[in-house]
PDB file of all heavy atoms in Angstrom:
ATOM      1  N   ILE A   1       0.844  -1.184   0.002  1.00  0.00           N
ATOM      2  CA  ILE A   1      -0.001   0.000   0.000  1.00  0.00           C
ATOM      3  C   ILE A   1       0.884   1.243  -0.001  1.00  0.00           C
ATOM      4  O   ILE A   1       1.947   1.261   0.626  1.00  0.00           O
ATOM      5  CB  ILE A   1      -0.968   0.009   1.205  1.00  0.00           C
ATOM      6  CG1 ILE A   1      -1.996   1.135   1.071  1.00  0.00           C
ATOM      7  CG2 ILE A   1      -0.212   0.092   2.518  1.00  0.00           C
ATOM      8  CD1 ILE A   1      -3.115   1.067   2.106  1.00  0.00           C
ATOM      9  N   SER A   2       0.454   2.263  -0.712  1.00  0.00           N
ATOM     10  CA  SER A   2       1.190   3.516  -0.748  1.00  0.00           C
ATOM     11  C   SER A   2       0.208   4.659  -0.926  1.00  0.00           C
ATOM     12  O   SER A   2      -0.949   4.449  -1.314  1.00  0.00           O
ATOM     13  CB  SER A   2       2.222   3.513  -1.887  1.00  0.00           C
ATOM     14  OG  SER A   2       1.602   3.351  -3.153  1.00  0.00           O
ATOM     15  N   ARG A   3       0.655   5.865  -0.637  1.00  0.00           N
ATOM     16  CA  ARG A   3      -0.204   7.024  -0.811  1.00  0.00           C
ATOM     17  C   ARG A   3       0.601   8.199  -1.338  1.00  0.00           C
ATOM     18  O   ARG A   3       1.807   8.302  -1.105  1.00  0.00           O
ATOM     19  CB  ARG A   3      -0.918   7.406   0.488  1.00  0.00           C
ATOM     20  CG  ARG A   3      -0.004   7.867   1.613  1.00  0.00           C
ATOM     21  CD  ARG A   3      -0.765   7.985   2.936  1.00  0.00           C
ATOM     22  NE  ARG A   3      -1.639   9.155   2.952  1.00  0.00           N
ATOM     23  CZ  ARG A   3      -2.548   9.387   3.904  1.00  0.00           C
ATOM     24  NH1 ARG A   3      -2.713   8.512   4.895  1.00  0.00           N
ATOM     25  NH2 ARG A   3      -3.293  10.484   3.859  1.00  0.00           N
ATOM     26  N   ASP A   4      -0.085   9.064  -2.057  1.00  0.00           N
ATOM     27  CA  ASP A   4       0.496  10.301  -2.562  1.00  0.00           C
ATOM     28  C   ASP A   4      -0.341  11.421  -1.968  1.00  0.00           C
ATOM     29  O   ASP A   4      -1.447  11.687  -2.432  1.00  0.00           O
ATOM     30  CB  ASP A   4       0.464  10.332  -4.088  1.00  0.00           C
ATOM     31  CG  ASP A   4       1.183  11.539  -4.658  1.00  0.00           C
ATOM     32  OD1 ASP A   4       1.243  12.587  -3.993  1.00  0.00           O
ATOM     33  OD2 ASP A   4       1.689  11.431  -5.800  1.00  0.00           O
ATOM     34  N   ASN A   5       0.179  12.048  -0.939  1.00  0.00           N
ATOM     35  CA  ASN A   5      -0.595  13.065  -0.232  1.00  0.00           C
ATOM     36  C   ASN A   5      -0.888  14.297  -1.096  1.00  0.00           C
ATOM     37  O   ASN A   5      -1.919  14.937  -0.931  1.00  0.00           O
ATOM     38  CB  ASN A   5       0.138  13.482   1.038  1.00  0.00           C
ATOM     39  CG  ASN A   5       0.192  12.363   2.062  1.00  0.00           C
ATOM     40  OD1 ASN A   5      -0.714  11.526   2.149  1.00  0.00           O
ATOM     41  ND2 ASN A   5       1.260  12.333   2.859  1.00  0.00           N
ATOM     42  N   ALA A   6       0.023  14.612  -2.013  1.00  0.00           N
ATOM     43  CA  ALA A   6      -0.183  15.760  -2.879  1.00  0.00           C
ATOM     44  C   ALA A   6      -1.333  15.519  -3.853  1.00  0.00           C
ATOM     45  O   ALA A   6      -2.018  16.465  -4.260  1.00  0.00           O
ATOM     46  CB  ALA A   6       1.094  16.098  -3.639  1.00  0.00           C
ATOM     47  N   GLU A   7      -1.548  14.261  -4.238  1.00  0.00           N
ATOM     48  CA  GLU A   7      -2.584  13.926  -5.204  1.00  0.00           C
ATOM     49  C   GLU A   7      -3.832  13.344  -4.551  1.00  0.00           C
ATOM     50  O   GLU A   7      -4.804  13.041  -5.247  1.00  0.00           O
ATOM     51  CB  GLU A   7      -2.047  12.925  -6.222  1.00  0.00           C
ATOM     52  CG  GLU A   7      -0.879  13.450  -7.046  1.00  0.00           C
ATOM     53  CD  GLU A   7      -1.264  14.593  -7.955  1.00  0.00           C
ATOM     54  OE1 GLU A   7      -2.448  14.661  -8.365  1.00  0.00           O
ATOM     55  OE2 GLU A   7      -0.396  15.435  -8.258  1.00  0.00           O
ATOM     56  N   ASN A   8      -3.825  13.176  -3.239  1.00  0.00           N
ATOM     57  CA  ASN A   8      -4.956  12.600  -2.509  1.00  0.00           C
ATOM     58  C   ASN A   8      -5.309  11.206  -3.032  1.00  0.00           C
ATOM     59  O   ASN A   8      -6.480  10.877  -3.239  1.00  0.00           O
ATOM     60  CB  ASN A   8      -6.192  13.508  -2.584  1.00  0.00           C
ATOM     61  CG  ASN A   8      -6.049  14.785  -1.783  1.00  0.00           C
ATOM     62  OD1 ASN A   8      -6.754  15.758  -2.025  1.00  0.00           O
ATOM     63  ND2 ASN A   8      -5.134  14.805  -0.828  1.00  0.00           N
ATOM     64  N   THR A   9      -4.288  10.397  -3.247  1.00  0.00           N
ATOM     65  CA  THR A   9      -4.510   9.051  -3.743  1.00  0.00           C
ATOM     66  C   THR A   9      -3.886   8.015  -2.821  1.00  0.00           C
ATOM     67  O   THR A   9      -2.916   8.288  -2.110  1.00  0.00           O
ATOM     68  CB  THR A   9      -3.934   8.854  -5.151  1.00  0.00           C
ATOM     69  OG1 THR A   9      -2.527   9.110  -5.138  1.00  0.00           O
ATOM     70  CG2 THR A   9      -4.611   9.780  -6.147  1.00  0.00           C
ATOM     71  N   VAL A  10      -4.444   6.828  -2.863  1.00  0.00           N
ATOM     72  CA  VAL A  10      -3.873   5.666  -2.202  1.00  0.00           C
ATOM     73  C   VAL A  10      -3.929   4.526  -3.205  1.00  0.00           C
ATOM     74  O   VAL A  10      -4.890   4.394  -3.958  1.00  0.00           O
ATOM     75  CB  VAL A  10      -4.613   5.312  -0.892  1.00  0.00           C
ATOM     76  CG1 VAL A  10      -6.078   4.976  -1.162  1.00  0.00           C
ATOM     77  CG2 VAL A  10      -3.916   4.170  -0.170  1.00  0.00           C
ATOM     78  N   SER A  11      -2.871   3.727  -3.237  1.00  0.00           N
ATOM     79  CA  SER A  11      -2.779   2.641  -4.189  1.00  0.00           C
ATOM     80  C   SER A  11      -2.488   1.328  -3.480  1.00  0.00           C
ATOM     81  O   SER A  11      -1.983   1.312  -2.354  1.00  0.00           O
ATOM     82  CB  SER A  11      -1.677   2.916  -5.219  1.00  0.00           C
ATOM     83  OG  SER A  11      -1.968   4.074  -5.976  1.00  0.00           O
ATOM     84  N   LEU A  12      -2.811   0.250  -4.149  1.00  0.00           N
ATOM     85  CA  LEU A  12      -2.512  -1.082  -3.650  1.00  0.00           C
ATOM     86  C   LEU A  12      -1.922  -1.891  -4.780  1.00  0.00           C
ATOM     87  O   LEU A  12      -2.630  -2.243  -5.730  1.00  0.00           O
ATOM     88  CB  LEU A  12      -3.776  -1.775  -3.111  1.00  0.00           C
ATOM     89  CG  LEU A  12      -3.565  -3.120  -2.434  1.00  0.00           C
ATOM     90  CD1 LEU A  12      -2.810  -2.951  -1.117  1.00  0.00           C
ATOM     91  CD2 LEU A  12      -4.900  -3.817  -2.199  1.00  0.00           C
ATOM     92  N   GLN A  13      -0.625  -2.153  -4.698  1.00  0.00           N
ATOM     93  CA  GLN A  13       0.046  -3.005  -5.666  1.00  0.00           C
ATOM     94  C   GLN A  13      -0.110  -4.443  -5.208  1.00  0.00           C
ATOM     95  O   GLN A  13       0.324  -4.795  -4.115  1.00  0.00           O
ATOM     96  CB  GLN A  13       1.523  -2.635  -5.781  1.00  0.00           C
ATOM     97  CG  GLN A  13       2.310  -3.505  -6.751  1.00  0.00           C
ATOM     98  CD  GLN A  13       1.876  -3.335  -8.176  1.00  0.00           C
ATOM     99  OE1 GLN A  13       1.673  -2.215  -8.644  1.00  0.00           O
ATOM    100  NE2 GLN A  13       1.711  -4.439  -8.897  1.00  0.00           N
ATOM    101  N   MET A  14      -0.713  -5.270  -6.048  1.00  0.00           N
ATOM    102  CA  MET A  14      -0.995  -6.649  -5.699  1.00  0.00           C
ATOM    103  C   MET A  14      -0.206  -7.566  -6.630  1.00  0.00           C
ATOM    104  O   MET A  14      -0.446  -7.587  -7.844  1.00  0.00           O
ATOM    105  CB  MET A  14      -2.495  -6.947  -5.801  1.00  0.00           C
ATOM    106  CG  MET A  14      -3.352  -6.014  -4.964  1.00  0.00           C
ATOM    107  SD  MET A  14      -5.108  -6.477  -4.972  1.00  0.00           S
ATOM    108  CE  MET A  14      -5.497  -6.169  -6.692  1.00  0.00           C
ATOM    109  N   ASN A  15       0.724  -8.303  -6.068  1.00  0.00           N
ATOM    110  CA  ASN A  15       1.544  -9.242  -6.819  1.00  0.00           C
ATOM    111  C   ASN A  15       1.258 -10.673  -6.368  1.00  0.00           C
ATOM    112  O   ASN A  15       0.702 -10.905  -5.304  1.00  0.00           O
ATOM    113  CB  ASN A  15       3.027  -8.934  -6.633  1.00  0.00           C
ATOM    114  CG  ASN A  15       3.417  -7.565  -7.131  1.00  0.00           C
ATOM    115  OD1 ASN A  15       2.870  -7.062  -8.113  1.00  0.00           O
ATOM    116  ND2 ASN A  15       4.400  -6.951  -6.466  1.00  0.00           N
ATOM    117  N   SER A  16       1.685 -11.620  -7.190  1.00  0.00           N
ATOM    118  CA  SER A  16       1.513 -13.043  -6.878  1.00  0.00           C
ATOM    119  C   SER A  16       0.082 -13.352  -6.458  1.00  0.00           C
ATOM    120  O   SER A  16      -0.169 -14.013  -5.445  1.00  0.00           O
ATOM    121  CB  SER A  16       2.498 -13.462  -5.781  1.00  0.00           C
ATOM    122  OG  SER A  16       3.832 -13.221  -6.172  1.00  0.00           O
ATOM    123  N   LEU A  17      -0.856 -12.877  -7.241  1.00  0.00           N
ATOM    124  CA  LEU A  17      -2.266 -13.015  -6.888  1.00  0.00           C
ATOM    125  C   LEU A  17      -2.713 -14.469  -6.889  1.00  0.00           C
ATOM    126  O   LEU A  17      -2.259 -15.281  -7.700  1.00  0.00           O
ATOM    127  CB  LEU A  17      -3.124 -12.201  -7.842  1.00  0.00           C
ATOM    128  CG  LEU A  17      -3.106 -10.697  -7.553  1.00  0.00           C
ATOM    129  CD1 LEU A  17      -3.574  -9.906  -8.765  1.00  0.00           C
ATOM    130  CD2 LEU A  17      -3.977 -10.383  -6.342  1.00  0.00           C
ATOM    131  N   LYS A  18      -3.600 -14.767  -5.955  1.00  0.00           N
ATOM    132  CA  LYS A  18      -4.142 -16.105  -5.768  1.00  0.00           C
ATOM    133  C   LYS A  18      -5.655 -16.066  -5.956  1.00  0.00           C
ATOM    134  O   LYS A  18      -6.280 -15.026  -5.767  1.00  0.00           O
ATOM    135  CB  LYS A  18      -3.819 -16.610  -4.361  1.00  0.00           C
ATOM    136  CG  LYS A  18      -2.349 -16.610  -4.004  1.00  0.00           C
ATOM    137  CD  LYS A  18      -2.146 -16.993  -2.554  1.00  0.00           C
ATOM    138  CE  LYS A  18      -0.677 -16.994  -2.174  1.00  0.00           C
ATOM    139  NZ  LYS A  18      -0.486 -17.354  -0.745  1.00  0.00           N
ATOM    140  N   PRO A  19      -6.258 -17.203  -6.303  1.00  0.00           N
ATOM    141  CA  PRO A  19      -7.719 -17.224  -6.435  1.00  0.00           C
ATOM    142  C   PRO A  19      -8.437 -16.732  -5.183  1.00  0.00           C
ATOM    143  O   PRO A  19      -9.496 -16.104  -5.301  1.00  0.00           O
ATOM    144  CB  PRO A  19      -8.017 -18.705  -6.707  1.00  0.00           C
ATOM    145  CG  PRO A  19      -6.806 -19.187  -7.415  1.00  0.00           C
ATOM    146  CD  PRO A  19      -5.657 -18.482  -6.741  1.00  0.00           C
ATOM    147  N   GLU A  20      -7.883 -16.987  -4.012  1.00  0.00           N
ATOM    148  CA  GLU A  20      -8.512 -16.547  -2.780  1.00  0.00           C
ATOM    149  C   GLU A  20      -8.460 -15.037  -2.573  1.00  0.00           C
ATOM    150  O   GLU A  20      -9.072 -14.520  -1.635  1.00  0.00           O
ATOM    151  CB  GLU A  20      -7.914 -17.263  -1.563  1.00  0.00           C
ATOM    152  CG  GLU A  20      -6.400 -17.238  -1.509  1.00  0.00           C
ATOM    153  CD  GLU A  20      -5.771 -18.507  -2.063  1.00  0.00           C
ATOM    154  OE1 GLU A  20      -6.193 -18.960  -3.134  1.00  0.00           O
ATOM    155  OE2 GLU A  20      -4.858 -19.045  -1.396  1.00  0.00           O
ATOM    156  N   ASP A  21      -7.728 -14.322  -3.436  1.00  0.00           N
ATOM    157  CA  ASP A  21      -7.737 -12.865  -3.402  1.00  0.00           C
ATOM    158  C   ASP A  21      -8.959 -12.284  -4.117  1.00  0.00           C
ATOM    159  O   ASP A  21      -9.183 -11.070  -4.058  1.00  0.00           O
ATOM    160  CB  ASP A  21      -6.473 -12.297  -4.050  1.00  0.00           C
ATOM    161  CG  ASP A  21      -5.217 -12.636  -3.269  1.00  0.00           C
ATOM    162  OD1 ASP A  21      -5.252 -12.573  -2.024  1.00  0.00           O
ATOM    163  OD2 ASP A  21      -4.196 -12.958  -3.909  1.00  0.00           O
ATOM    164  N   THR A  22      -9.716 -13.119  -4.788  1.00  0.00           N
ATOM    165  CA  THR A  22     -10.894 -12.661  -5.510  1.00  0.00           C
ATOM    166  C   THR A  22     -11.895 -12.037  -4.553  1.00  0.00           C
ATOM    167  O   THR A  22     -12.308 -12.659  -3.575  1.00  0.00           O
ATOM    168  CB  THR A  22     -11.552 -13.817  -6.268  1.00  0.00           C
ATOM    169  OG1 THR A  22     -10.657 -14.303  -7.266  1.00  0.00           O
ATOM    170  CG2 THR A  22     -12.851 -13.374  -6.932  1.00  0.00           C
ATOM    171  N   ALA A  23     -12.280 -10.808  -4.826  1.00  0.00           N
ATOM    172  CA  ALA A  23     -13.189 -10.070  -3.956  1.00  0.00           C
ATOM    173  C   ALA A  23     -13.472  -8.708  -4.574  1.00  0.00           C
ATOM    174  O   ALA A  23     -12.828  -8.302  -5.539  1.00  0.00           O
ATOM    175  CB  ALA A  23     -12.573  -9.881  -2.565  1.00  0.00           C
ATOM    176  N   VAL A  24     -14.433  -8.020  -3.985  1.00  0.00           N
ATOM    177  CA  VAL A  24     -14.609  -6.607  -4.271  1.00  0.00           C
ATOM    178  C   VAL A  24     -13.718  -5.842  -3.306  1.00  0.00           C
ATOM    179  O   VAL A  24     -13.787  -6.054  -2.095  1.00  0.00           O
ATOM    180  CB  VAL A  24     -16.070  -6.155  -4.120  1.00  0.00           C
ATOM    181  CG1 VAL A  24     -16.193  -4.659  -4.354  1.00  0.00           C
ATOM    182  CG2 VAL A  24     -16.958  -6.922  -5.090  1.00  0.00           C
ATOM    183  N   TYR A  25     -12.886  -4.976  -3.844  1.00  0.00           N
ATOM    184  CA  TYR A  25     -11.945  -4.208  -3.036  1.00  0.00           C
ATOM    185  C   TYR A  25     -12.473  -2.787  -2.868  1.00  0.00           C
ATOM    186  O   TYR A  25     -12.845  -2.129  -3.834  1.00  0.00           O
ATOM    187  CB  TYR A  25     -10.573  -4.190  -3.688  1.00  0.00           C
ATOM    188  CG  TYR A  25      -9.819  -5.481  -3.516  1.00  0.00           C
ATOM    189  CD1 TYR A  25     -10.234  -6.638  -4.166  1.00  0.00           C
ATOM    190  CD2 TYR A  25      -8.700  -5.554  -2.685  1.00  0.00           C
ATOM    191  CE1 TYR A  25      -9.571  -7.832  -3.990  1.00  0.00           C
ATOM    192  CE2 TYR A  25      -8.026  -6.746  -2.515  1.00  0.00           C
ATOM    193  CZ  TYR A  25      -8.462  -7.882  -3.163  1.00  0.00           C
ATOM    194  OH  TYR A  25      -7.784  -9.066  -2.983  1.00  0.00           O
ATOM    195  N   TYR A  26     -12.475  -2.315  -1.624  1.00  0.00           N
ATOM    196  CA  TYR A  26     -12.996  -1.007  -1.290  1.00  0.00           C
ATOM    197  C   TYR A  26     -11.909  -0.116  -0.707  1.00  0.00           C
ATOM    198  O   TYR A  26     -11.136  -0.550   0.149  1.00  0.00           O
ATOM    199  CB  TYR A  26     -14.119  -1.110  -0.257  1.00  0.00           C
ATOM    200  CG  TYR A  26     -15.340  -1.862  -0.729  1.00  0.00           C
ATOM    201  CD1 TYR A  26     -15.445  -3.239  -0.549  1.00  0.00           C
ATOM    202  CD2 TYR A  26     -16.390  -1.197  -1.345  1.00  0.00           C
ATOM    203  CE1 TYR A  26     -16.559  -3.938  -0.979  1.00  0.00           C
ATOM    204  CE2 TYR A  26     -17.519  -1.880  -1.774  1.00  0.00           C
ATOM    205  CZ  TYR A  26     -17.590  -3.258  -1.582  1.00  0.00           C
ATOM    206  OH  TYR A  26     -18.708  -3.943  -2.002  1.00  0.00           O
ATOM    207  N   CYS A  27     -11.892   1.106  -1.152  1.00  0.00           N
ATOM    208  CA  CYS A  27     -11.022   2.120  -0.589  1.00  0.00           C
ATOM    209  C   CYS A  27     -11.742   2.819   0.551  1.00  0.00           C
ATOM    210  O   CYS A  27     -12.951   3.072   0.473  1.00  0.00           O
ATOM    211  CB  CYS A  27     -10.638   3.131  -1.673  1.00  0.00           C
ATOM    212  SG  CYS A  27      -9.687   4.549  -1.116  1.00  0.00           S
ATOM    213  N   SER A  28     -11.031   3.129   1.614  1.00  0.00           N
ATOM    214  CA  SER A  28     -11.603   3.835   2.742  1.00  0.00           C
ATOM    215  C   SER A  28     -10.633   4.908   3.225  1.00  0.00           C
ATOM    216  O   SER A  28      -9.416   4.744   3.123  1.00  0.00           O
ATOM    217  CB  SER A  28     -11.898   2.859   3.884  1.00  0.00           C
ATOM    218  OG  SER A  28     -12.486   3.521   4.985  1.00  0.00           O
ATOM    219  N   ALA A  29     -11.193   5.989   3.734  1.00  0.00           N
ATOM    220  CA  ALA A  29     -10.355   7.068   4.249  1.00  0.00           C
ATOM    221  C   ALA A  29     -11.057   7.779   5.386  1.00  0.00           C
ATOM    222  O   ALA A  29     -12.270   8.004   5.341  1.00  0.00           O
ATOM    223  CB  ALA A  29     -10.011   8.065   3.147  1.00  0.00           C
ATOM    224  N   ASN A  30     -10.294   8.114   6.397  1.00  0.00           N
ATOM    225  CA  ASN A  30     -10.768   8.978   7.473  1.00  0.00           C
ATOM    226  C   ASN A  30     -10.330  10.385   7.122  1.00  0.00           C
ATOM    227  O   ASN A  30      -9.146  10.650   6.974  1.00  0.00           O
ATOM    228  CB  ASN A  30     -10.179   8.529   8.808  1.00  0.00           C
ATOM    229  CG  ASN A  30     -10.641   9.391   9.958  1.00  0.00           C
ATOM    230  OD1 ASN A  30      -9.968  10.351  10.330  1.00  0.00           O
ATOM    231  ND2 ASN A  30     -11.785   9.062  10.529  1.00  0.00           N
TER     232      ASN A  30
END
């Protein structure tokens, strides 16, 4: 996980993906 505070973004780099990673992914922020 990483974030760019200047751009107000957060990213998730996902490598070596497995079938059990299958899901709906949601971003959240306080």
